[in-house]
Amino acid sequence: MPDTVNGAAFLVLAAMCVGGAIGMIVAKNIVHSAFWVLEASIAVAGLFFLLRADYVALVQILVYAVAVAVLMVFSIMITLRRPEDAVRPRDFSPIAAIVAVGFCAVMFVALRDYHPVATQSAVAWTSDIATFGRLLFAADGWALPFEIASLILTVALVGAVWWTKDGGDE
């Protein structure tokens, strides 16, 4: 983290991210969950702005806060047949808990061994898109966080497909 980052602002935005993620998980109504995703996405964009990654913050707002959140809300509105369908039951799955704990363990090990790129060149990243691209996909750059984000999005996509699967076909 650069030395000029305001610690209080970082803590507030990080708490908003975690709060939005927890709110998304515990909300019984899927429309409320979609709005928690929107809140968490905006907080993540704020973290990117705070860390002087303006381009990534702008992409975060345009793609996740605007496009994905609005798409989720419209998809929910279109696919709901009754208002009662928006309320999801609170099922506990031991298999899902085991998978979640395993995923958290892998994330912990990956992040523990990860050494971020030096922060002195952070300003140069945003001014030259070719340098930004090289740092993004370099083995010691941002490739690991990029791949983690892609894995999380893939898991979310598979979960969304599984969630919308009709149980009557089995």
Foldseek 3Di string as FASTA:
>chain_A
DDPPQDPVLLVVLVVLLVVLVVQLVPDQFNLSNLVSQLSNLLSVLVVCVSLVVPVVSVCSCVPRNPPVSVVSNVVCVVPDPDSVVRGHDDDDDPVVVVVVVVVVVVVVVVVVPQDEDDSPCVNVLNVDVVNVVCQCCPPNHVVVVVVVVVVVVVVVVVVVVVVPDDPVVD
